[in-house]
Amino acid sequence: MKFVHSILLFFSFALLTSNIRADHHEAPFRHFVAFQFKESATDDDIQQVVDEFMLLKDKIDTIQSVEWGFSESVEGLNDDFTHAFLVTFKDKAGLEAYLPHPDHKAFVAILKPHLEKVFVFDYTAKE
């Protein structure tokens, strides 16, 4: 009988702790970046920036996903920002590890000569 009580106690504890963990699940953290390139940036320069940015997901393990696209604004409110990237991390700590990472810094060195302006918006995803 003690064995049955021990098993029931174990499963009750396991169920309780799994519910606690589920309640404290952190939502994904997003890092949105938009680039406005200098007029002197060539198509090849810009393509290199895109290619290097996309390679970061294979170099920095805190990145869960990366997507990008061109501005297709029908309102014309993009303020000459032409390229946008959305990087997803498990949590804010992922971004905090990403920013000083040597591969991110190497990417910034490639980007800077071609960059006119950048817009960054970081947020915790909500549903």
N, C-alpha and C. Protein backbone atom coordinates (compact mmCIF):
# COMPACT_ATOMS: atom_id res chain seq x y z
N MET A 1 0.82 -1.19 0.00
CA MET A 1 0.00 0.00 0.00
C MET A 1 0.87 1.27 0.00
N LYS A 2 1.98 1.21 0.75
CA LYS A 2 2.89 2.35 0.77
C LYS A 2 3.40 2.65 -0.64
N PHE A 3 3.65 1.61 -1.39
CA PHE A 3 4.15 1.76 -2.75
C PHE A 3 3.14 2.52 -3.61
N VAL A 4 1.86 2.16 -3.51
CA VAL A 4 0.80 2.81 -4.28
C VAL A 4 0.72 4.29 -3.89
N HIS A 5 0.79 4.57 -2.60
CA HIS A 5 0.76 5.97 -2.14
C HIS A 5 1.97 6.74 -2.67
N SER A 6 3.11 6.10 -2.67
CA SER A 6 4.32 6.75 -3.18
C SER A 6 4.18 7.07 -4.67
N ILE A 7 3.65 6.11 -5.42
CA ILE A 7 3.44 6.32 -6.86
C ILE A 7 2.44 7.46 -7.09
N LEU A 8 1.33 7.44 -6.36
CA LEU A 8 0.33 8.51 -6.49
C LEU A 8 0.93 9.87 -6.12
N LEU A 9 1.72 9.90 -5.07
CA LEU A 9 2.36 11.14 -4.66
C LEU A 9 3.33 11.63 -5.74
N PHE A 10 4.10 10.71 -6.31
CA PHE A 10 5.04 11.07 -7.36
C PHE A 10 4.31 11.67 -8.57
N PHE A 11 3.25 11.00 -9.04
CA PHE A 11 2.53 11.50 -10.21
C PHE A 11 1.80 12.81 -9.91
N SER A 12 1.30 12.95 -8.69
CA SER A 12 0.66 14.22 -8.31
C SER A 12 1.67 15.36 -8.35
N PHE A 13 2.86 15.12 -7.82
CA PHE A 13 3.92 16.13 -7.83
C PHE A 13 4.34 16.45 -9.27
N ALA A 14 4.50 15.41 -10.09
CA ALA A 14 4.91 15.62 -11.49
C ALA A 14 3.86 16.44 -12.23
N LEU A 15 2.59 16.13 -12.02
CA LEU A 15 1.51 16.88 -12.66
C LEU A 15 1.50 18.32 -12.19
N LEU A 16 1.67 18.53 -10.90
CA LEU A 16 1.67 19.87 -10.34
C LEU A 16 2.82 20.70 -10.91
N THR A 17 4.02 20.14 -10.94
CA THR A 17 5.17 20.90 -11.44
C THR A 17 5.07 21.15 -12.94
N SER A 18 4.48 20.23 -13.69
CA SER A 18 4.34 20.48 -15.13
C SER A 18 3.35 21.61 -15.36
N ASN A 19 2.31 21.72 -14.55
CA ASN A 19 1.36 22.82 -14.68
C ASN A 19 2.01 24.14 -14.29
N ILE A 20 2.86 24.12 -13.29
CA ILE A 20 3.55 25.34 -12.89
C ILE A 20 4.45 25.81 -14.02
N ARG A 21 5.20 24.91 -14.63
CA ARG A 21 6.08 25.28 -15.73
C ARG A 21 5.27 25.83 -16.90
N ALA A 22 4.13 25.24 -17.19
CA ALA A 22 3.31 25.70 -18.30
C ALA A 22 2.80 27.12 -18.05
N ASP A 23 2.48 27.42 -16.78
CA ASP A 23 1.99 28.76 -16.45
C ASP A 23 3.08 29.82 -16.61
N HIS A 24 4.34 29.42 -16.50
CA HIS A 24 5.44 30.37 -16.58
C HIS A 24 6.14 30.31 -17.93
N HIS A 25 5.50 29.73 -18.92
CA HIS A 25 6.07 29.66 -20.26
C HIS A 25 6.30 31.08 -20.79
N GLU A 26 7.50 31.32 -21.26
CA GLU A 26 7.81 32.63 -21.80
C GLU A 26 7.45 32.68 -23.28
N ALA A 27 6.86 33.79 -23.67
CA ALA A 27 6.52 33.99 -25.08
C ALA A 27 7.79 34.28 -25.87
N PRO A 28 7.78 33.99 -27.15
CA PRO A 28 8.96 34.29 -27.98
C PRO A 28 9.30 35.78 -27.95
N PHE A 29 10.57 36.07 -28.12
CA PHE A 29 11.04 37.45 -28.16
C PHE A 29 11.44 37.76 -29.60
N ARG A 30 10.96 38.88 -30.11
CA ARG A 30 11.20 39.24 -31.51
C ARG A 30 12.12 40.47 -31.61
N HIS A 31 12.96 40.43 -32.62
CA HIS A 31 13.89 41.53 -32.92
C HIS A 31 13.61 41.92 -34.37
N PHE A 32 12.92 43.05 -34.55
CA PHE A 32 12.56 43.54 -35.87
C PHE A 32 13.55 44.62 -36.27
N VAL A 33 14.14 44.50 -37.45
CA VAL A 33 15.14 45.45 -37.93
C VAL A 33 14.79 45.84 -39.37
N ALA A 34 14.79 47.14 -39.65
CA ALA A 34 14.58 47.62 -41.02
C ALA A 34 15.78 48.46 -41.43
N PHE A 35 16.21 48.29 -42.68
CA PHE A 35 17.38 48.99 -43.20
C PHE A 35 16.99 49.95 -44.32
N GLN A 36 17.61 51.12 -44.27
CA GLN A 36 17.59 52.07 -45.38
C GLN A 36 19.04 52.14 -45.85
N PHE A 37 19.26 51.77 -47.09
CA PHE A 37 20.63 51.73 -47.61
C PHE A 37 21.03 53.06 -48.24
N LYS A 38 22.32 53.32 -48.23
CA LYS A 38 22.86 54.51 -48.90
C LYS A 38 22.63 54.39 -50.40
N GLU A 39 22.51 55.52 -51.06
CA GLU A 39 22.35 55.51 -52.51
C GLU A 39 23.54 54.87 -53.20
N SER A 40 24.70 54.93 -52.57
CA SER A 40 25.91 54.35 -53.15
C SER A 40 25.96 52.82 -53.04
N ALA A 41 25.07 52.23 -52.24
CA ALA A 41 25.06 50.77 -52.09
C ALA A 41 24.57 50.12 -53.39
N THR A 42 25.34 49.19 -53.91
CA THR A 42 24.97 48.50 -55.14
C THR A 42 24.04 47.33 -54.81
N ASP A 43 23.43 46.77 -55.84
CA ASP A 43 22.60 45.58 -55.65
C ASP A 43 23.42 44.44 -55.05
N ASP A 44 24.66 44.30 -55.48
CA ASP A 44 25.54 43.26 -54.93
C ASP A 44 25.85 43.51 -53.46
N ASP A 45 26.07 44.77 -53.08
CA ASP A 45 26.31 45.10 -51.67
C ASP A 45 25.11 44.71 -50.82
N ILE A 46 23.94 45.07 -51.29
CA ILE A 46 22.71 44.78 -50.55
C ILE A 46 22.47 43.28 -50.47
N GLN A 47 22.71 42.57 -51.55
CA GLN A 47 22.53 41.11 -51.54
C GLN A 47 23.50 40.46 -50.55
N GLN A 48 24.72 40.98 -50.47
CA GLN A 48 25.68 40.45 -49.50
C GLN A 48 25.17 40.66 -48.07
N VAL A 49 24.58 41.82 -47.79
CA VAL A 49 24.02 42.09 -46.46
C VAL A 49 22.91 41.08 -46.15
N VAL A 50 22.00 40.88 -47.10
CA VAL A 50 20.91 39.92 -46.91
C VAL A 50 21.47 38.52 -46.67
N ASP A 51 22.40 38.09 -47.50
CA ASP A 51 22.98 36.74 -47.37
C ASP A 51 23.66 36.57 -46.02
N GLU A 52 24.43 37.56 -45.61
CA GLU A 52 25.15 37.47 -44.33
C GLU A 52 24.19 37.47 -43.15
N PHE A 53 23.13 38.27 -43.25
CA PHE A 53 22.14 38.29 -42.17
C PHE A 53 21.49 36.91 -42.03
N MET A 54 21.12 36.32 -43.15
CA MET A 54 20.45 35.02 -43.11
C MET A 54 21.37 33.92 -42.59
N LEU A 55 22.67 34.06 -42.76
CA LEU A 55 23.62 33.06 -42.24
C LEU A 55 23.73 33.09 -40.73
N LEU A 56 23.32 34.19 -40.11
CA LEU A 56 23.43 34.30 -38.65
C LEU A 56 22.66 33.21 -37.92
N LYS A 57 21.54 32.76 -38.50
CA LYS A 57 20.75 31.73 -37.81
C LYS A 57 21.50 30.41 -37.68
N ASP A 58 22.49 30.18 -38.55
CA ASP A 58 23.30 28.96 -38.46
C ASP A 58 24.54 29.16 -37.60
N LYS A 59 24.81 30.39 -37.21
CA LYS A 59 26.02 30.70 -36.46
C LYS A 59 25.76 31.02 -34.99
N ILE A 60 24.56 31.49 -34.69
CA ILE A 60 24.24 31.93 -33.32
C ILE A 60 23.08 31.08 -32.81
N ASP A 61 23.36 30.25 -31.82
CA ASP A 61 22.38 29.24 -31.42
C ASP A 61 21.16 29.79 -30.68
N THR A 62 21.16 31.04 -30.25
CA THR A 62 19.97 31.57 -29.59
C THR A 62 18.90 32.02 -30.59
N ILE A 63 19.26 32.07 -31.88
CA ILE A 63 18.28 32.43 -32.91
C ILE A 63 17.43 31.21 -33.24
N GLN A 64 16.11 31.37 -33.10
CA GLN A 64 15.19 30.30 -33.47
C GLN A 64 14.82 30.37 -34.94
N SER A 65 14.62 31.58 -35.45
CA SER A 65 14.28 31.73 -36.86
C SER A 65 14.59 33.16 -37.32
N VAL A 66 14.75 33.29 -38.64
CA VAL A 66 14.96 34.60 -39.27
C VAL A 66 14.15 34.61 -40.55
N GLU A 67 13.47 35.71 -40.78
CA GLU A 67 12.80 35.91 -42.07
C GLU A 67 13.04 37.34 -42.51
N TRP A 68 12.91 37.57 -43.80
CA TRP A 68 13.14 38.92 -44.31
C TRP A 68 12.26 39.17 -45.52
N GLY A 69 12.17 40.44 -45.88
CA GLY A 69 11.43 40.80 -47.08
C GLY A 69 11.70 42.24 -47.49
N PHE A 70 11.24 42.57 -48.70
CA PHE A 70 11.34 43.93 -49.24
C PHE A 70 10.10 44.71 -48.82
N SER A 71 10.24 46.01 -48.73
CA SER A 71 9.07 46.84 -48.48
C SER A 71 8.15 46.78 -49.69
N GLU A 72 6.90 46.52 -49.43
CA GLU A 72 5.86 46.53 -50.46
C GLU A 72 4.73 47.46 -50.04
N SER A 73 5.09 48.52 -49.33
CA SER A 73 4.12 49.43 -48.75
C SER A 73 3.26 50.07 -49.83
N VAL A 74 1.96 49.89 -49.72
CA VAL A 74 1.04 50.56 -50.64
C VAL A 74 0.71 51.97 -50.14
N GLU A 75 0.97 52.22 -48.83
CA GLU A 75 0.71 53.55 -48.27
C GLU A 75 1.88 54.50 -48.52
N GLY A 76 3.04 53.95 -48.84
CA GLY A 76 4.22 54.80 -49.03
C GLY A 76 4.76 55.37 -47.73
N LEU A 77 4.55 54.66 -46.63
CA LEU A 77 4.97 55.15 -45.31
C LEU A 77 6.24 54.46 -44.82
N ASN A 78 6.97 53.83 -45.71
CA ASN A 78 8.16 53.08 -45.29
C ASN A 78 9.39 53.95 -45.09
N ASP A 79 9.28 55.26 -45.38
CA ASP A 79 10.37 56.21 -45.13
C ASP A 79 11.69 55.76 -45.75
N ASP A 80 11.61 55.19 -46.93
CA ASP A 80 12.78 54.72 -47.69
C ASP A 80 13.49 53.52 -47.06
N PHE A 81 12.87 52.87 -46.06
CA PHE A 81 13.39 51.60 -45.56
C PHE A 81 12.96 50.54 -46.57
N THR A 82 13.92 49.79 -47.07
CA THR A 82 13.62 48.85 -48.16
C THR A 82 13.63 47.39 -47.75
N HIS A 83 14.38 47.05 -46.70
CA HIS A 83 14.55 45.66 -46.30
C HIS A 83 14.24 45.52 -44.81
N ALA A 84 13.46 44.49 -44.46
CA ALA A 84 13.12 44.24 -43.06
C ALA A 84 13.45 42.80 -42.71
N PHE A 85 13.87 42.61 -41.47
CA PHE A 85 14.23 41.29 -40.95
C PHE A 85 13.52 41.09 -39.62
N LEU A 86 13.04 39.88 -39.40
CA LEU A 86 12.42 39.53 -38.13
C LEU A 86 13.15 38.32 -37.57
N VAL A 87 13.80 38.51 -36.43
CA VAL A 87 14.56 37.45 -35.78
C VAL A 87 13.78 37.03 -34.54
N THR A 88 13.60 35.72 -34.36
CA THR A 88 12.88 35.20 -33.21
C THR A 88 13.84 34.47 -32.29
N PHE A 89 13.71 34.79 -31.00
CA PHE A 89 14.48 34.14 -29.94
C PHE A 89 13.50 33.49 -28.97
N LYS A 90 13.98 32.54 -28.20
CA LYS A 90 13.14 31.90 -27.19
C LYS A 90 12.68 32.93 -26.16
N ASP A 91 13.58 33.84 -25.80
CA ASP A 91 13.28 34.84 -24.79
C ASP A 91 14.23 36.02 -24.96
N LYS A 92 14.08 37.01 -24.11
CA LYS A 92 14.90 38.21 -24.22
C LYS A 92 16.38 37.90 -24.00
N ALA A 93 16.67 36.91 -23.18
CA ALA A 93 18.07 36.52 -22.94
C ALA A 93 18.74 36.08 -24.25
N GLY A 94 17.97 35.51 -25.16
CA GLY A 94 18.51 35.13 -26.46
C GLY A 94 19.02 36.32 -27.24
N LEU A 95 18.25 37.41 -27.22
CA LEU A 95 18.69 38.65 -27.88
C LEU A 95 19.92 39.21 -27.18
N GLU A 96 19.91 39.16 -25.86
CA GLU A 96 21.03 39.70 -25.09
C GLU A 96 22.32 38.94 -25.37
N ALA A 97 22.22 37.66 -25.70
CA ALA A 97 23.41 36.88 -26.08
C ALA A 97 23.80 37.16 -27.54
N TYR A 98 22.82 37.44 -28.37
CA TYR A 98 23.03 37.68 -29.80
C TYR A 98 23.78 38.99 -30.08
N LEU A 99 23.38 40.05 -29.40
CA LEU A 99 23.92 41.38 -29.71
C LEU A 99 25.44 41.48 -29.61
N PRO A 100 26.07 40.96 -28.53
CA PRO A 100 27.54 41.05 -28.45
C PRO A 100 28.27 39.89 -29.13
N HIS A 101 27.53 38.96 -29.71
CA HIS A 101 28.14 37.77 -30.31
C HIS A 101 29.10 38.19 -31.43
N PRO A 102 30.28 37.57 -31.52
CA PRO A 102 31.26 37.93 -32.55
C PRO A 102 30.71 37.83 -33.98
N ASP A 103 29.85 36.86 -34.26
CA ASP A 103 29.30 36.74 -35.61
C ASP A 103 28.32 37.88 -35.92
N HIS A 104 27.58 38.34 -34.92
CA HIS A 104 26.71 39.49 -35.12
C HIS A 104 27.55 40.74 -35.36
N LYS A 105 28.61 40.90 -34.58
CA LYS A 105 29.49 42.06 -34.76
C LYS A 105 30.16 42.04 -36.14
N ALA A 106 30.52 40.86 -36.63
CA ALA A 106 31.11 40.75 -37.97
C ALA A 106 30.08 41.15 -39.03
N PHE A 107 28.82 40.75 -38.82
CA PHE A 107 27.76 41.15 -39.75
C PHE A 107 27.60 42.68 -39.77
N VAL A 108 27.59 43.29 -38.59
CA VAL A 108 27.44 44.75 -38.51
C VAL A 108 28.57 45.45 -39.26
N ALA A 109 29.77 44.90 -39.20
CA ALA A 109 30.91 45.49 -39.93
C ALA A 109 30.69 45.43 -41.44
N ILE A 110 30.03 44.37 -41.92
CA ILE A 110 29.71 44.26 -43.35
C ILE A 110 28.60 45.25 -43.72
N LEU A 111 27.63 45.40 -42.84
CA LEU A 111 26.47 46.26 -43.09
C LEU A 111 26.81 47.75 -43.07
N LYS A 112 27.57 48.18 -42.09
CA LYS A 112 27.76 49.61 -41.82
C LYS A 112 28.15 50.47 -43.02
N PRO A 113 29.07 50.05 -43.87
CA PRO A 113 29.45 50.93 -44.99
C PRO A 113 28.30 51.23 -45.96
N HIS A 114 27.25 50.42 -45.92
CA HIS A 114 26.15 50.55 -46.88
C HIS A 114 24.88 51.11 -46.24
N LEU A 115 24.91 51.29 -44.92
CA LEU A 115 23.70 51.64 -44.17
C LEU A 115 23.53 53.14 -44.03
N GLU A 116 22.38 53.62 -44.46
CA GLU A 116 22.02 55.02 -44.25
C GLU A 116 21.33 55.18 -42.90
N LYS A 117 20.38 54.28 -42.63
CA LYS A 117 19.56 54.40 -41.43
C LYS A 117 19.05 53.02 -41.04
N VAL A 118 18.85 52.81 -39.73
CA VAL A 118 18.31 51.55 -39.24
C VAL A 118 17.17 51.84 -38.27
N PHE A 119 16.18 50.98 -38.26
CA PHE A 119 15.09 51.05 -37.30
C PHE A 119 15.02 49.69 -36.62
N VAL A 120 15.03 49.70 -35.28
CA VAL A 120 14.99 48.45 -34.52
C VAL A 120 13.81 48.52 -33.56
N PHE A 121 13.07 47.42 -33.47
CA PHE A 121 11.94 47.33 -32.55
C PHE A 121 11.96 45.92 -31.96
N ASP A 122 12.17 45.83 -30.65
CA ASP A 122 12.22 44.54 -29.96
C ASP A 122 10.98 44.40 -29.08
N TYR A 123 10.41 43.18 -29.05
CA TYR A 123 9.19 43.00 -28.28
C TYR A 123 8.98 41.53 -27.92
N THR A 124 8.21 41.32 -26.87
CA THR A 124 7.75 39.99 -26.51
C THR A 124 6.46 39.73 -27.27
N ALA A 125 6.39 38.62 -27.98
CA ALA A 125 5.22 38.31 -28.80
C ALA A 125 4.00 38.05 -27.92
N LYS A 126 2.89 38.61 -28.29
CA LYS A 126 1.61 38.42 -27.60
C LYS A 126 0.63 37.80 -28.58
N GLU A 127 -0.32 37.08 -28.04
CA GLU A 127 -1.38 36.51 -28.91
C GLU A 127 -2.70 37.13 -28.56
